[in-house]
Protein backbone atom coordinates (compact mmCIF):
# COMPACT_ATOMS: atom_id res chain seq x y z
CA MET A 1 114.64 121.33 90.19
CA ALA A 2 113.95 118.61 92.08
CA LEU A 3 111.17 116.98 94.13
CA HIS A 4 110.89 116.26 97.47
CA PHE A 5 109.27 113.12 98.24
CA GLU A 6 108.52 111.47 101.89
CA LEU A 7 107.42 107.97 101.98
CA VAL A 8 106.25 106.84 105.28
CA THR A 9 104.57 104.55 106.79
CA PRO A 10 102.60 104.36 110.53
CA ALA A 11 105.31 103.32 112.20
CA ARG A 12 108.70 105.30 110.48
CA LEU A 13 109.66 107.50 107.88
CA VAL A 14 111.00 105.36 105.27
CA ARG A 15 112.26 107.74 102.94
CA SER A 16 112.76 112.14 102.41
CA GLU A 17 115.06 112.13 99.55
CA ASP A 18 115.00 114.72 96.16
CA VAL A 19 113.81 113.34 93.29
CA TYR A 20 113.79 113.66 89.40
CA MET A 21 109.82 112.23 89.83
CA VAL A 22 107.58 109.85 91.56
CA VAL A 23 105.62 107.85 89.70
CA VAL A 24 102.39 106.53 92.54
CA PRO A 25 99.71 103.71 91.98
CA GLY A 26 96.94 105.32 92.55
CA THR A 27 93.42 104.15 93.38
CA GLU A 28 92.19 105.57 89.59
CA GLY A 29 95.49 104.53 88.14
CA GLU A 30 99.04 105.92 88.57
CA PHE A 31 100.17 108.91 88.09
CA GLY A 32 103.10 110.46 87.50
CA VAL A 33 104.58 113.30 89.55
CA LEU A 34 107.71 116.08 88.69
CA GLU A 35 108.32 119.48 90.86
CA GLY A 36 105.52 122.02 90.45
CA HIS A 37 102.36 119.51 90.01
CA ALA A 38 99.02 120.91 90.61
CA PRO A 39 98.07 119.83 94.26
CA PHE A 40 95.91 117.06 94.95
CA MET A 41 95.39 113.95 97.12
CA SER A 42 94.53 110.00 96.11
CA THR A 43 94.36 106.32 98.03
CA ILE A 44 97.07 104.66 96.68
CA ARG A 45 96.38 100.38 96.09
CA ASP A 46 98.51 97.73 96.80
CA GLY A 47 101.83 98.05 94.06
CA ALA A 48 105.25 99.43 93.20
CA VAL A 49 105.66 103.85 93.75
CA ARG A 50 108.43 104.29 91.42
CA VAL A 51 111.65 106.70 91.82
CA TYR A 52 113.45 107.91 89.00
CA ARG A 53 116.63 110.18 91.15
CA THR A 54 117.39 111.37 87.77
CA ASP A 55 115.91 112.41 83.85
CA GLY A 56 116.39 109.05 82.23
CA ALA A 57 117.43 106.68 85.38
CA ALA A 58 116.29 103.55 85.62
CA PRO A 59 113.42 103.77 88.17
CA GLU A 60 113.71 101.82 91.70
CA GLU A 61 110.94 100.25 93.21
CA ILE A 62 109.49 100.33 96.40
CA LEU A 63 106.52 98.10 96.65
CA VAL A 64 103.72 99.29 98.95
CA ARG A 65 100.18 98.30 100.50
CA GLY A 66 97.45 101.01 100.29
CA GLY A 67 97.01 104.63 102.09
CA PHE A 68 97.42 108.30 100.70
CA ALA A 69 99.50 110.37 98.30
CA GLU A 70 99.51 113.75 98.69
CA VAL A 71 100.96 116.33 96.22
CA GLY A 72 101.63 119.80 97.54
CA GLU A 73 103.41 122.69 97.60
CA LYS A 74 106.52 120.95 100.06
CA GLY A 75 106.71 117.67 97.41
CA LEU A 76 105.29 114.95 97.45
CA THR A 77 104.18 112.28 100.64
CA VAL A 78 103.30 108.62 100.61
CA LEU A 79 101.83 107.49 103.77
CA ALA A 80 102.00 104.02 102.58
CA GLU A 81 100.37 101.53 104.96
CA HIS A 82 102.80 99.36 104.37
CA VAL A 83 105.78 99.38 102.44
CA GLU A 84 108.11 95.98 101.88
CA GLY A 85 111.19 95.40 102.38
């Protein structure tokens, strides 16, 4: 099983892929999302979204500034105000 992850800015779709886990810099603290996570929504702070493609893999970091994260039945969507790079 895999988690479907999308990273979106107001200008474009940055990522849309199946991954093992994503750690998001929430305003109330970091949170990890795996396949089957309970639905919820959170604001995010400036920081790094860490994407783990497989179990035990080194994470890829994507720097984001502000926005929201939503976990739903289709996976995790991060709506970032800005993505570095």
